[in-house]
Each structure stands twice: as structure tokens, then as C-alpha cells.
């Protein structure tokens, strides 16, 4: 491929040099216009200057055909609007966004495409811009669904300056068609899940919604949240149910008082849970981060109270605390 490109480039340079040489000869003959070139005899011109001169004579006489290459310009699915008067409320903005979505949905449907992403751009009176990209879990042209996605995000949107312009761009993609196996499945309604997550994020904050990921440490309950995502191109989304009872943790931990008998817990009391201990398991010694200032150590117990409640608690230098309750 590289050699072919180099050879084409060399041929083009040689042809250009040949044309330049022919033009110099024509100028010496006193030929300076297309009319003067067209008046020459074709056969005698070709005999003296070659095939390239004949092609030049044919172009001057309108006898050559040049094939046109059809170039399809890329489709640009975007709508924009500049407000005559600056706006400070959400109603005019929602009205224009709804209209944008209706127009984009019609244009996409005509070429059998759907929207996979939406890019919202808002311009303020101070010439600053706000831009947000909305990824659609399952590409669609459903105007109501796409509008709810934008509305959910903008319900809690605030700006110090009025809005003077808004634009919305849709990124097209061909509709997904995938056949699953007999025992394979996917999300029932990915777009509804995305909308629910957007509402939770608007209500609780970005740092409180996501997928928990454990840190590489033995410290109890050490994790962080990453933005929730899924891959609809995978053959299935399999959910593994935990074995045994699940621990519902208290965040933060609940302080407690524990009565000991022969170094064994016999009674637990806190603001939320209290009772005599009927069964116990422990202590389980745990410690970590002994190499830095985050050193920790604790003794963990699983306690079953006389009413059947099972709790996880631990003892550290600061006293007793309840980690959570088993479901």
C-alpha cells in the first residue's frame, strides 16, 4: 500500500513536469490562450508534443469527459436557536428542547437511524457555555423518553446568568439487533433504569450513586463508588445472588454498650438494638495499615440476641460499635 502511494505521487509529479514543459513550448510558439490552442491542428500537435498535448487540445475544444465523483456530505443532526430576549426560567428552554427532539427524531427515522448520544449546549449572556453529553443506554428515537432525560437533568440546573441560546446535537447509530440464547437475558428497560439513576443522582448527588468497588485492603467497609455503566452488546447480564444472610451495614456505625462475663458478651444495648445474647461467634481478630498513620485493629463478633436478631459488632480501643444487622 505504501509503495503504491509513492508510485502514484511520483507519476503525478512527472505529469505535472511534462505539462509545464509543454506550456513553455506553446508560449514560445506564441500560444497564450485556449482559443489559440484550439485553433491548432490536433494531429500535428500530437506529433510534435505527444499525448499529453492532445489531451490539453481536447479539453480546450470541449471534447474530453471528466467523470464526477459523488461525495455524500456527512449528516449533521443538530438544532439550535437564539432567543430574542434572554430567558431566566425553564419553561421556554423545555419548549425548545422538545421541539428539537421532535425534529431530530423525524430526520433520524427517515434514514433508519436512532440516537445514541445527545449533546446539549447552553449559551449565557456572559458568552460562557454549558455543555453536557447524555449517553443513551439503548439508542432510541422516543421523544418522550429523551425529553425526560433532559428534563431530569435540568430540573436542578442553576445558573447565575440568563440564557440567550441553546443547541442540541444527536449522534446517530444503526438500531441494535441481537438475538439471545435460551437462558440469556438483558436489562428489561435500560432507558428506564438510566432515567431512575439520573433522578437518584439529582436527588442524592453524584458521589452517592454508582457501583461500589472495594479498595485493595482488608479494612472493613472500605469502598468507593464508580459511575454505573453496563454493556448492552454483551450476550447477557448475569446477577449472582449472595449465599447466606446479607449484612445490612450501618453508616456510620452505631455505638453500643456490651456487658461481658468471662470475656464473653452476654448483653448488648444501643439506641436502636438491645437484648440478651443467646448465641455468639468470635472474636475474630483483624488489623491493618500498621505501616502508616491509618493503623487499625479490632475484634469482631457475631451476636444473636434473644429475639432472634443477629448483629455484627466489634470492639476497638474506642469501645464497642455495631457494624450492621443480618437480614
C-alpha atoms as a PDB file:
ATOM      1  CA  UNK A   1       0.000   0.000   0.000  1.00  0.00           C
ATOM      2  CA  UNK A   2       2.849   2.374   0.831  1.00  0.00           C
ATOM      3  CA  UNK A   3       4.701   1.604  -2.421  1.00  0.00           C
ATOM      4  CA  UNK A   4       1.516   2.179  -4.433  1.00  0.00           C
ATOM      5  CA  UNK A   5       1.017   5.608  -2.857  1.00  0.00           C
ATOM      6  CA  UNK A   6       4.630   6.541  -3.534  1.00  0.00           C
ATOM      7  CA  UNK A   7       4.365   5.456  -7.192  1.00  0.00           C
ATOM      8  CA  UNK A   8       1.147   7.460  -7.685  1.00  0.00           C
ATOM      9  CA  UNK A   9       2.807  10.513  -6.206  1.00  0.00           C
ATOM     10  CA  UNK A  10       5.831  10.143  -8.497  1.00  0.00           C
ATOM     11  CA  UNK A  11       3.586   9.735 -11.573  1.00  0.00           C
ATOM     12  CA  UNK A  12       1.658  12.890 -10.676  1.00  0.00           C
ATOM     13  CA  UNK A  13       4.884  14.855 -10.328  1.00  0.00           C
ATOM     14  CA  UNK A  14       6.159  13.591 -13.697  1.00  0.00           C
ATOM     15  CA  UNK A  15       2.896  14.541 -15.414  1.00  0.00           C
ATOM     16  CA  UNK A  16       2.962  17.989 -13.864  1.00  0.00           C
ATOM     17  CA  UNK A  17       6.517  18.498 -15.089  1.00  0.00           C
ATOM     18  CA  UNK A  18       5.508  17.346 -18.578  1.00  0.00           C
ATOM     19  CA  UNK A  19       2.575  19.763 -18.702  1.00  0.00           C
ATOM     20  CA  UNK A  20       4.800  22.607 -17.567  1.00  0.00           C
ATOM     21  CA  UNK A  21       7.290  21.760 -20.311  1.00  0.00           C
ATOM     22  CA  UNK A  22       4.510  21.739 -22.965  1.00  0.00           C
ATOM     23  CA  UNK A  23       3.240  25.125 -21.771  1.00  0.00           C
ATOM     24  CA  UNK A  24       6.719  26.607 -22.095  1.00  0.00           C
ATOM     25  CA  UNK A  25       6.940  25.348 -25.697  1.00  0.00           C
ATOM     26  CA  UNK A  26       3.478  26.721 -26.508  1.00  0.00           C
ATOM     27  CA  UNK A  27       4.409  30.099 -25.097  1.00  0.00           C
ATOM     28  CA  UNK A  28       7.489  30.133 -27.325  1.00  0.00           C
ATOM     29  CA  UNK A  29       5.156  29.458 -30.276  1.00  0.00           C
ATOM     30  CA  UNK A  30       3.040  32.424 -29.251  1.00  0.00           C
ATOM     31  CA  UNK A  31       0.149  30.326 -27.902  1.00  0.00           C
ATOM     32  CA  UNK A  32      -1.138  32.069 -24.774  1.00  0.00           C
ATOM     33  CA  UNK A  33      -4.942  31.465 -24.795  1.00  0.00           C
ATOM     34  CA  UNK A  34      -7.303  28.479 -25.041  1.00  0.00           C
ATOM     35  CA  UNK A  35      -8.640  29.809 -28.353  1.00  0.00           C
ATOM     36  CA  UNK A  36      -5.172  29.849 -29.863  1.00  0.00           C
ATOM     37  CA  UNK A  37      -4.557  26.301 -28.620  1.00  0.00           C
ATOM     38  CA  UNK A  38      -7.915  25.093 -30.018  1.00  0.00           C
ATOM     39  CA  UNK A  39      -7.088  26.540 -33.438  1.00  0.00           C
ATOM     40  CA  UNK A  40      -4.041  24.302 -33.847  1.00  0.00           C
ATOM     41  CA  UNK A  41      -4.155  21.050 -35.794  1.00  0.00           C
ATOM     42  CA  UNK A  42      -4.696  18.128 -33.438  1.00  0.00           C
ATOM     43  CA  UNK A  43      -2.581  15.557 -35.323  1.00  0.00           C
ATOM     44  CA  UNK A  44       0.354  17.880 -35.897  1.00  0.00           C
ATOM     45  CA  UNK A  45       0.252  18.997 -32.247  1.00  0.00           C
ATOM     46  CA  UNK A  46       0.311  15.383 -31.058  1.00  0.00           C
ATOM     47  CA  UNK A  47       3.151  14.501 -33.447  1.00  0.00           C
ATOM     48  CA  UNK A  48       5.320  17.300 -32.029  1.00  0.00           C
ATOM     49  CA  UNK A  49       4.397  17.345 -28.302  1.00  0.00           C
ATOM     50  CA  UNK A  50       2.897  13.916 -27.540  1.00  0.00           C
ATOM     51  CA  UNK A  51      -0.315  12.515 -25.993  1.00  0.00           C
ATOM     52  CA  UNK A  52      -0.446  14.984 -23.122  1.00  0.00           C
ATOM     53  CA  UNK A  53      -0.660  17.858 -25.624  1.00  0.00           C
ATOM     54  CA  UNK A  54      -3.557  16.072 -27.391  1.00  0.00           C
ATOM     55  CA  UNK A  55      -5.435  15.812 -24.076  1.00  0.00           C
ATOM     56  CA  UNK A  56      -4.892  19.523 -23.497  1.00  0.00           C
ATOM     57  CA  UNK A  57      -6.218  20.275 -27.049  1.00  0.00           C
ATOM     58  CA  UNK A  58      -9.325  18.120 -26.390  1.00  0.00           C
ATOM     59  CA  UNK A  59     -10.059  19.935 -23.137  1.00  0.00           C
ATOM     60  CA  UNK A  60      -9.670  23.290 -24.916  1.00  0.00           C
ATOM     61  CA  UNK A  61     -12.180  22.176 -27.580  1.00  0.00           C
ATOM     62  CA  UNK A  62     -14.632  20.645 -25.110  1.00  0.00           C
ATOM     63  CA  UNK A  63     -14.100  17.100 -26.393  1.00  0.00           C
ATOM     64  CA  UNK A  64     -12.912  15.482 -23.136  1.00  0.00           C
ATOM     65  CA  UNK A  65     -15.124  13.890 -20.488  1.00  0.00           C
ATOM     66  CA  UNK A  66     -14.258  14.195 -16.813  1.00  0.00           C
ATOM     67  CA  UNK A  67     -16.068  11.791 -14.523  1.00  0.00           C
ATOM     68  CA  UNK A  68     -17.589  13.379 -11.451  1.00  0.00           C
ATOM     69  CA  UNK A  69     -17.127  11.730  -8.084  1.00  0.00           C
ATOM     70  CA  UNK A  70     -20.258  11.715  -5.999  1.00  0.00           C
ATOM     71  CA  UNK A  71     -19.361  12.825  -2.476  1.00  0.00           C
ATOM     72  CA  UNK A  72     -22.060  12.402   0.125  1.00  0.00           C
ATOM     73  CA  UNK A  73     -21.678  15.138   2.750  1.00  0.00           C
ATOM     74  CA  UNK A  74     -21.876  13.884   6.312  1.00  0.00           C
ATOM     75  CA  UNK A  75     -25.238  14.241   8.004  1.00  0.00           C
ATOM     76  CA  UNK A  76     -25.265  16.787  10.813  1.00  0.00           C
ATOM     77  CA  UNK A  77     -28.109  16.174  13.220  1.00  0.00           C
ATOM     78  CA  UNK A  78     -28.201  19.356  15.233  1.00  0.00           C
ATOM     79  CA  UNK A  79     -30.752  22.039  16.061  1.00  0.00           C
ATOM     80  CA  UNK A  80     -30.077  25.453  17.573  1.00  0.00           C
ATOM     81  CA  UNK A  81     -31.982  28.577  18.481  1.00  0.00           C
ATOM     82  CA  UNK A  82     -31.066  32.074  19.670  1.00  0.00           C
ATOM     83  CA  UNK A  83     -33.652  33.724  21.894  1.00  0.00           C
ATOM     84  CA  UNK A  84     -34.681  37.262  21.033  1.00  0.00           C
ATOM     85  CA  UNK A  85     -34.996  38.020  24.730  1.00  0.00           C
ATOM     86  CA  UNK A  86     -32.835  36.364  27.363  1.00  0.00           C
ATOM     87  CA  UNK A  87     -34.659  33.745  29.422  1.00  0.00           C
ATOM     88  CA  UNK A  88     -34.397  33.046  33.139  1.00  0.00           C
ATOM     89  CA  UNK A  89     -36.963  30.250  33.579  1.00  0.00           C
ATOM     90  CA  UNK A  90     -37.021  26.623  32.478  1.00  0.00           C
ATOM     91  CA  UNK A  91     -40.325  26.617  30.549  1.00  0.00           C
ATOM     92  CA  UNK A  92     -39.051  28.292  27.333  1.00  0.00           C
ATOM     93  CA  UNK A  93     -35.949  26.095  27.423  1.00  0.00           C
ATOM     94  CA  UNK A  94     -38.013  22.906  27.770  1.00  0.00           C
ATOM     95  CA  UNK A  95     -40.296  24.048  24.946  1.00  0.00           C
ATOM     96  CA  UNK A  96     -37.358  24.469  22.550  1.00  0.00           C
ATOM     97  CA  UNK A  97     -35.728  21.179  23.588  1.00  0.00           C
ATOM     98  CA  UNK A  98     -38.961  19.300  22.976  1.00  0.00           C
ATOM     99  CA  UNK A  99     -39.209  20.858  19.533  1.00  0.00           C
ATOM    100  CA  UNK A 100     -35.559  19.981  18.801  1.00  0.00           C
ATOM    101  CA  UNK A 101     -36.138  16.348  19.753  1.00  0.00           C
ATOM    102  CA  UNK A 102     -39.206  16.056  17.529  1.00  0.00           C
ATOM    103  CA  UNK A 103     -37.305  17.408  14.528  1.00  0.00           C
ATOM    104  CA  UNK A 104     -34.251  15.233  15.162  1.00  0.00           C
ATOM    105  CA  UNK A 105     -36.388  12.120  15.611  1.00  0.00           C
ATOM    106  CA  UNK A 106     -38.051  12.689  12.219  1.00  0.00           C
ATOM    107  CA  UNK A 107     -34.716  13.240  10.463  1.00  0.00           C
ATOM    108  CA  UNK A 108     -33.161  10.146  12.026  1.00  0.00           C
ATOM    109  CA  UNK A 109     -36.154   7.953  11.278  1.00  0.00           C
ATOM    110  CA  UNK A 110     -36.054   8.890   7.591  1.00  0.00           C
ATOM    111  CA  UNK A 111     -32.642   7.251   7.191  1.00  0.00           C
ATOM    112  CA  UNK A 112     -33.423   4.392   9.631  1.00  0.00           C
ATOM    113  CA  UNK A 113     -31.070   5.576  12.368  1.00  0.00           C
ATOM    114  CA  UNK A 114     -31.538   6.176  16.088  1.00  0.00           C
ATOM    115  CA  UNK A 115     -29.828   8.480  18.576  1.00  0.00           C
ATOM    116  CA  UNK A 116     -27.082   7.021  20.740  1.00  0.00           C
ATOM    117  CA  UNK A 117     -25.978  10.300  22.396  1.00  0.00           C
ATOM    118  CA  UNK A 118     -27.308  13.801  22.905  1.00  0.00           C
ATOM    119  CA  UNK A 119     -25.076  16.837  23.348  1.00  0.00           C
ATOM    120  CA  UNK A 120     -26.712  19.837  24.991  1.00  0.00           C
ATOM    121  CA  UNK A 121     -25.078  23.251  24.741  1.00  0.00           C
ATOM    122  CA  UNK A 122     -26.386  26.347  26.516  1.00  0.00           C
ATOM    123  CA  UNK A 123     -25.009  29.857  25.959  1.00  0.00           C
ATOM    124  CA  UNK A 124     -25.332  32.562  28.616  1.00  0.00           C
ATOM    125  CA  UNK A 125     -25.306  36.348  28.436  1.00  0.00           C
ATOM    126  CA  UNK A 126     -21.674  36.459  29.585  1.00  0.00           C
ATOM    127  CA  UNK A 127     -20.708  34.389  26.481  1.00  0.00           C
ATOM    128  CA  UNK A 128     -19.883  31.350  28.589  1.00  0.00           C
ATOM    129  CA  UNK A 129     -21.182  27.920  27.615  1.00  0.00           C
ATOM    130  CA  UNK A 130     -22.525  24.908  29.445  1.00  0.00           C
ATOM    131  CA  UNK A 131     -22.184  21.585  27.645  1.00  0.00           C
ATOM    132  CA  UNK A 132     -23.381  18.153  28.709  1.00  0.00           C
ATOM    133  CA  UNK A 133     -23.322  14.832  26.860  1.00  0.00           C
ATOM    134  CA  UNK A 134     -26.131  12.367  27.588  1.00  0.00           C
ATOM    135  CA  UNK A 135     -25.379   8.746  26.742  1.00  0.00           C
ATOM    136  CA  UNK A 136     -28.482   6.750  25.891  1.00  0.00           C
ATOM    137  CA  UNK A 137     -28.249   3.163  27.252  1.00  0.00           C
ATOM    138  CA  UNK A 138     -30.404   1.750  24.464  1.00  0.00           C
ATOM    139  CA  UNK A 139     -30.347   4.015  21.381  1.00  0.00           C
ATOM    140  CA  UNK A 140     -33.822   5.255  20.534  1.00  0.00           C
ATOM    141  CA  UNK A 141     -35.854   7.994  18.835  1.00  0.00           C
ATOM    142  CA  UNK A 142     -38.555   8.049  21.506  1.00  0.00           C
ATOM    143  CA  UNK A 143     -39.143  11.773  22.012  1.00  0.00           C
ATOM    144  CA  UNK A 144     -40.871  11.387  25.403  1.00  0.00           C
ATOM    145  CA  UNK A 145     -38.052   9.273  26.800  1.00  0.00           C
ATOM    146  CA  UNK A 146     -35.298  11.568  25.513  1.00  0.00           C
ATOM    147  CA  UNK A 147     -37.120  14.639  26.793  1.00  0.00           C
ATOM    148  CA  UNK A 148     -37.478  13.145  30.273  1.00  0.00           C
ATOM    149  CA  UNK A 149     -33.729  12.516  30.264  1.00  0.00           C
ATOM    150  CA  UNK A 150     -33.024  16.186  29.556  1.00  0.00           C
ATOM    151  CA  UNK A 151     -35.739  17.412  31.898  1.00  0.00           C
ATOM    152  CA  UNK A 152     -34.475  15.308  34.801  1.00  0.00           C
ATOM    153  CA  UNK A 153     -31.019  16.837  34.470  1.00  0.00           C
ATOM    154  CA  UNK A 154     -32.215  20.431  34.028  1.00  0.00           C
ATOM    155  CA  UNK A 155     -34.746  20.403  36.873  1.00  0.00           C
ATOM    156  CA  UNK A 156     -31.948  21.099  39.367  1.00  0.00           C
ATOM    157  CA  UNK A 157     -29.781  23.124  36.972  1.00  0.00           C
ATOM    158  CA  UNK A 158     -28.949  26.622  38.171  1.00  0.00           C
ATOM    159  CA  UNK A 159     -27.082  29.471  36.521  1.00  0.00           C
ATOM    160  CA  UNK A 160     -26.057  32.943  37.615  1.00  0.00           C
ATOM    161  CA  UNK A 161     -26.636  34.377  34.128  1.00  0.00           C
ATOM    162  CA  UNK A 162     -29.674  34.287  31.799  1.00  0.00           C
ATOM    163  CA  UNK A 163     -29.730  32.070  28.711  1.00  0.00           C
ATOM    164  CA  UNK A 164     -29.513  33.554  25.214  1.00  0.00           C
ATOM    165  CA  UNK A 165     -29.048  30.442  23.021  1.00  0.00           C
ATOM    166  CA  UNK A 166     -29.436  26.669  23.128  1.00  0.00           C
ATOM    167  CA  UNK A 167     -28.432  23.860  20.780  1.00  0.00           C
ATOM    168  CA  UNK A 168     -28.939  20.110  20.760  1.00  0.00           C
ATOM    169  CA  UNK A 169     -26.993  17.588  18.705  1.00  0.00           C
ATOM    170  CA  UNK A 170     -27.865  13.910  18.199  1.00  0.00           C
ATOM    171  CA  UNK A 171     -25.206  11.325  17.385  1.00  0.00           C
ATOM    172  CA  UNK A 172     -26.753   8.683  15.089  1.00  0.00           C
ATOM    173  CA  UNK A 173     -26.232   4.943  15.054  1.00  0.00           C
ATOM    174  CA  UNK A 174     -27.931   1.990  13.438  1.00  0.00           C
ATOM    175  CA  UNK A 175     -30.504   0.241  15.671  1.00  0.00           C
ATOM    176  CA  UNK A 176     -29.182  -2.701  17.650  1.00  0.00           C
ATOM    177  CA  UNK A 177     -30.498  -6.135  16.785  1.00  0.00           C
ATOM    178  CA  UNK A 178     -29.275  -9.004  18.895  1.00  0.00           C
ATOM    179  CA  UNK A 179     -30.619 -12.479  19.461  1.00  0.00           C
ATOM    180  CA  UNK A 180     -30.011 -14.016  22.860  1.00  0.00           C
ATOM    181  CA  UNK A 181     -29.751 -17.645  23.780  1.00  0.00           C
ATOM    182  CA  UNK A 182     -32.409 -19.623  25.562  1.00  0.00           C
ATOM    183  CA  UNK A 183     -31.069 -18.872  29.054  1.00  0.00           C
ATOM    184  CA  UNK A 184     -29.611 -15.428  28.319  1.00  0.00           C
ATOM    185  CA  UNK A 185     -31.219 -12.146  29.178  1.00  0.00           C
ATOM    186  CA  UNK A 186     -30.516  -8.441  29.347  1.00  0.00           C
ATOM    187  CA  UNK A 187     -31.953  -5.417  31.100  1.00  0.00           C
ATOM    188  CA  UNK A 188     -35.720  -5.258  30.675  1.00  0.00           C
ATOM    189  CA  UNK A 189     -35.754  -1.499  30.133  1.00  0.00           C
ATOM    190  CA  UNK A 190     -32.270   0.101  30.100  1.00  0.00           C
ATOM    191  CA  UNK A 191     -33.641   3.574  29.392  1.00  0.00           C
ATOM    192  CA  UNK A 192     -35.970   3.435  32.390  1.00  0.00           C
ATOM    193  CA  UNK A 193     -33.043   2.342  34.557  1.00  0.00           C
ATOM    194  CA  UNK A 194     -30.987   5.248  33.229  1.00  0.00           C
ATOM    195  CA  UNK A 195     -33.798   7.674  33.995  1.00  0.00           C
ATOM    196  CA  UNK A 196     -34.132   6.302  37.539  1.00  0.00           C
ATOM    197  CA  UNK A 197     -30.381   6.656  38.082  1.00  0.00           C
ATOM    198  CA  UNK A 198     -30.497  10.227  36.792  1.00  0.00           C
ATOM    199  CA  UNK A 199     -33.276  11.093  39.250  1.00  0.00           C
ATOM    200  CA  UNK A 200     -31.360   9.484  42.120  1.00  0.00           C
ATOM    201  CA  UNK A 201     -28.221  11.375  41.143  1.00  0.00           C
ATOM    202  CA  UNK A 202     -30.119  14.663  41.052  1.00  0.00           C
ATOM    203  CA  UNK A 203     -31.663  13.901  44.445  1.00  0.00           C
ATOM    204  CA  UNK A 204     -28.652  12.463  46.305  1.00  0.00           C
ATOM    205  CA  UNK A 205     -25.621  13.822  44.465  1.00  0.00           C
ATOM    206  CA  UNK A 206     -23.081  12.373  42.051  1.00  0.00           C
ATOM    207  CA  UNK A 207     -20.887  10.915  44.801  1.00  0.00           C
ATOM    208  CA  UNK A 208     -23.772   8.893  46.316  1.00  0.00           C
ATOM    209  CA  UNK A 209     -24.948   6.899  43.279  1.00  0.00           C
ATOM    210  CA  UNK A 210     -22.905   4.271  41.473  1.00  0.00           C
ATOM    211  CA  UNK A 211     -21.374   0.829  41.655  1.00  0.00           C
ATOM    212  CA  UNK A 212     -19.452   0.037  44.868  1.00  0.00           C
ATOM    213  CA  UNK A 213     -15.864  -1.024  44.242  1.00  0.00           C
ATOM    214  CA  UNK A 214     -13.746  -2.403  47.073  1.00  0.00           C
ATOM    215  CA  UNK A 215     -10.317  -0.994  47.805  1.00  0.00           C
ATOM    216  CA  UNK A 216      -7.358  -3.381  47.878  1.00  0.00           C
ATOM    217  CA  UNK A 217      -7.290  -3.547  51.646  1.00  0.00           C
ATOM    218  CA  UNK A 218      -8.656  -5.652  54.498  1.00  0.00           C
ATOM    219  CA  UNK A 219     -10.146  -2.591  56.190  1.00  0.00           C
ATOM    220  CA  UNK A 220     -13.849  -3.306  56.825  1.00  0.00           C
ATOM    221  CA  UNK A 221     -16.349  -1.470  54.638  1.00  0.00           C
ATOM    222  CA  UNK A 222     -13.601   0.220  52.586  1.00  0.00           C
ATOM    223  CA  UNK A 223     -15.034   1.004  49.149  1.00  0.00           C
ATOM    224  CA  UNK A 224     -15.760   3.811  46.717  1.00  0.00           C
ATOM    225  CA  UNK A 225     -18.481   4.436  44.149  1.00  0.00           C
ATOM    226  CA  UNK A 226     -17.870   4.442  40.423  1.00  0.00           C
ATOM    227  CA  UNK A 227     -20.401   5.716  37.854  1.00  0.00           C
ATOM    228  CA  UNK A 228     -22.841   2.976  36.966  1.00  0.00           C
ATOM    229  CA  UNK A 229     -22.491   1.544  33.459  1.00  0.00           C
ATOM    230  CA  UNK A 230     -23.432  -1.558  31.519  1.00  0.00           C
ATOM    231  CA  UNK A 231     -22.616  -3.123  28.179  1.00  0.00           C
ATOM    232  CA  UNK A 232     -25.678  -3.972  26.118  1.00  0.00           C
ATOM    233  CA  UNK A 233     -23.529  -5.702  23.486  1.00  0.00           C
ATOM    234  CA  UNK A 234     -22.604  -8.489  25.878  1.00  0.00           C
ATOM    235  CA  UNK A 235     -24.650 -11.669  25.470  1.00  0.00           C
ATOM    236  CA  UNK A 236     -26.156 -11.485  28.921  1.00  0.00           C
ATOM    237  CA  UNK A 237     -26.124  -9.708  32.227  1.00  0.00           C
ATOM    238  CA  UNK A 238     -25.925 -12.331  34.925  1.00  0.00           C
ATOM    239  CA  UNK A 239     -26.742 -11.499  38.507  1.00  0.00           C
ATOM    240  CA  UNK A 240     -25.184 -13.674  41.195  1.00  0.00           C
ATOM    241  CA  UNK A 241     -27.160 -13.829  44.403  1.00  0.00           C
ATOM    242  CA  UNK A 242     -25.122 -13.837  47.616  1.00  0.00           C
ATOM    243  CA  UNK A 243     -25.071 -17.052  49.581  1.00  0.00           C
ATOM    244  CA  UNK A 244     -26.236 -16.948  53.184  1.00  0.00           C
ATOM    245  CA  UNK A 245     -27.505 -13.952  55.128  1.00  0.00           C
ATOM    246  CA  UNK A 246     -26.671 -10.463  53.914  1.00  0.00           C
ATOM    247  CA  UNK A 247     -25.176  -7.900  56.285  1.00  0.00           C
ATOM    248  CA  UNK A 248     -27.007  -4.583  56.224  1.00  0.00           C
ATOM    249  CA  UNK A 249     -24.373  -2.172  57.416  1.00  0.00           C
ATOM    250  CA  UNK A 250     -24.976   0.931  59.488  1.00  0.00           C
ATOM    251  CA  UNK A 251     -23.231   4.008  58.123  1.00  0.00           C
ATOM    252  CA  UNK A 252     -21.982   5.375  60.431  1.00  0.00           C
ATOM    253  CA  UNK A 253     -21.616   2.560  62.953  1.00  0.00           C
ATOM    254  CA  UNK A 254     -23.884   2.577  65.987  1.00  0.00           C
ATOM    255  CA  UNK A 255     -22.203   2.941  69.369  1.00  0.00           C
ATOM    256  CA  UNK A 256     -23.153   0.262  71.882  1.00  0.00           C
ATOM    257  CA  UNK A 257     -22.557  -0.949  75.426  1.00  0.00           C
ATOM    258  CA  UNK A 258     -21.715  -4.625  75.872  1.00  0.00           C
ATOM    259  CA  UNK A 259     -21.802  -6.498  79.187  1.00  0.00           C
ATOM    260  CA  UNK A 260     -19.104  -9.182  79.428  1.00  0.00           C
ATOM    261  CA  UNK A 261     -18.972 -12.367  81.501  1.00  0.00           C
ATOM    262  CA  UNK A 262     -15.738 -14.346  81.370  1.00  0.00           C
ATOM    263  CA  UNK A 263     -14.638 -12.139  78.461  1.00  0.00           C
ATOM    264  CA  UNK A 264     -17.789 -13.177  76.510  1.00  0.00           C
ATOM    265  CA  UNK A 265     -20.621 -10.784  75.540  1.00  0.00           C
ATOM    266  CA  UNK A 266     -23.843 -11.573  77.412  1.00  0.00           C
ATOM    267  CA  UNK A 267     -25.902  -8.405  76.854  1.00  0.00           C
ATOM    268  CA  UNK A 268     -25.992  -5.722  74.169  1.00  0.00           C
ATOM    269  CA  UNK A 269     -27.547  -2.274  74.430  1.00  0.00           C
ATOM    270  CA  UNK A 270     -27.684   0.626  71.985  1.00  0.00           C
ATOM    271  CA  UNK A 271     -30.102   3.317  70.885  1.00  0.00           C
ATOM    272  CA  UNK A 272     -31.519   1.019  68.188  1.00  0.00           C
ATOM    273  CA  UNK A 273     -30.865  -2.552  69.297  1.00  0.00           C
ATOM    274  CA  UNK A 274     -30.814  -4.143  72.738  1.00  0.00           C
ATOM    275  CA  UNK A 275     -31.215  -7.555  74.291  1.00  0.00           C
ATOM    276  CA  UNK A 276     -29.527 -10.535  75.932  1.00  0.00           C
ATOM    277  CA  UNK A 277     -27.038 -12.530  73.860  1.00  0.00           C
ATOM    278  CA  UNK A 278     -28.244 -16.102  73.263  1.00  0.00           C
ATOM    279  CA  UNK A 279     -25.514 -17.185  70.811  1.00  0.00           C
ATOM    280  CA  UNK A 280     -22.171 -15.762  69.852  1.00  0.00           C
ATOM    281  CA  UNK A 281     -19.331 -16.319  67.425  1.00  0.00           C
ATOM    282  CA  UNK A 282     -15.925 -14.706  67.825  1.00  0.00           C
ATOM    283  CA  UNK A 283     -13.784 -12.913  68.475  1.00  0.00           C
ATOM    284  CA  UNK A 284     -12.251 -12.537  65.008  1.00  0.00           C
ATOM    285  CA  UNK A 285      -9.065 -10.527  65.217  1.00  0.00           C
ATOM    286  CA  UNK A 286      -8.376  -8.102  62.387  1.00  0.00           C
ATOM    287  CA  UNK A 287      -5.821  -5.349  61.871  1.00  0.00           C
ATOM    288  CA  UNK A 288      -4.076  -3.468  59.099  1.00  0.00           C
ATOM    289  CA  UNK A 289      -2.202  -0.393  57.888  1.00  0.00           C
ATOM    290  CA  UNK A 290       0.397  -0.905  60.574  1.00  0.00           C
ATOM    291  CA  UNK A 291       2.940   0.829  58.310  1.00  0.00           C
ATOM    292  CA  UNK A 292       1.344   4.298  58.325  1.00  0.00           C
ATOM    293  CA  UNK A 293      -0.829   6.618  60.435  1.00  0.00           C
ATOM    294  CA  UNK A 294      -4.019   4.779  59.381  1.00  0.00           C
ATOM    295  CA  UNK A 295      -3.255   1.784  61.579  1.00  0.00           C
ATOM    296  CA  UNK A 296      -6.305  -0.034  62.908  1.00  0.00           C
ATOM    297  CA  UNK A 297      -7.141  -3.126  64.913  1.00  0.00           C
ATOM    298  CA  UNK A 298     -10.423  -4.630  66.088  1.00  0.00           C
ATOM    299  CA  UNK A 299     -12.108  -7.753  67.429  1.00  0.00           C
ATOM    300  CA  UNK A 300     -15.295  -8.702  65.586  1.00  0.00           C
ATOM    301  CA  UNK A 301     -18.246 -10.653  66.982  1.00  0.00           C
ATOM    302  CA  UNK A 302     -21.434 -12.084  65.508  1.00  0.00           C
ATOM    303  CA  UNK A 303     -24.113 -11.981  68.217  1.00  0.00           C
ATOM    304  CA  UNK A 304     -27.617 -13.440  68.213  1.00  0.00           C
ATOM    305  CA  UNK A 305     -29.972 -11.775  70.648  1.00  0.00           C
ATOM    306  CA  UNK A 306     -32.832 -13.435  72.481  1.00  0.00           C
ATOM    307  CA  UNK A 307     -35.388 -12.013  69.995  1.00  0.00           C
ATOM    308  CA  UNK A 308     -33.614 -13.678  67.047  1.00  0.00           C
ATOM    309  CA  UNK A 309     -31.783 -10.583  65.806  1.00  0.00           C
ATOM    310  CA  UNK A 310     -28.253 -11.278  64.579  1.00  0.00           C
ATOM    311  CA  UNK A 311     -25.789  -8.376  64.577  1.00  0.00           C
ATOM    312  CA  UNK A 312     -22.165  -7.844  63.646  1.00  0.00           C
ATOM    313  CA  UNK A 313     -20.262  -5.748  66.181  1.00  0.00           C
ATOM    314  CA  UNK A 314     -16.653  -5.067  67.009  1.00  0.00           C
ATOM    315  CA  UNK A 315     -14.515  -3.826  69.844  1.00  0.00           C
ATOM    316  CA  UNK A 316     -11.699  -1.347  69.314  1.00  0.00           C
ATOM    317  CA  UNK A 317      -9.742   0.961  71.640  1.00  0.00           C
ATOM    318  CA  UNK A 318     -12.619   3.472  71.475  1.00  0.00           C
ATOM    319  CA  UNK A 319     -15.246   0.987  72.676  1.00  0.00           C
ATOM    320  CA  UNK A 320     -17.955  -1.187  71.141  1.00  0.00           C
ATOM    321  CA  UNK A 321     -19.771  -0.430  67.914  1.00  0.00           C
ATOM    322  CA  UNK A 322     -22.428  -2.248  65.854  1.00  0.00           C
ATOM    323  CA  UNK A 323     -21.429  -2.682  62.202  1.00  0.00           C
ATOM    324  CA  UNK A 324     -24.803  -3.876  60.982  1.00  0.00           C
ATOM    325  CA  UNK A 325     -27.610  -6.381  61.172  1.00  0.00           C
ATOM    326  CA  UNK A 326     -28.039  -9.611  59.217  1.00  0.00           C
ATOM    327  CA  UNK A 327     -31.141  -9.923  57.038  1.00  0.00           C
END
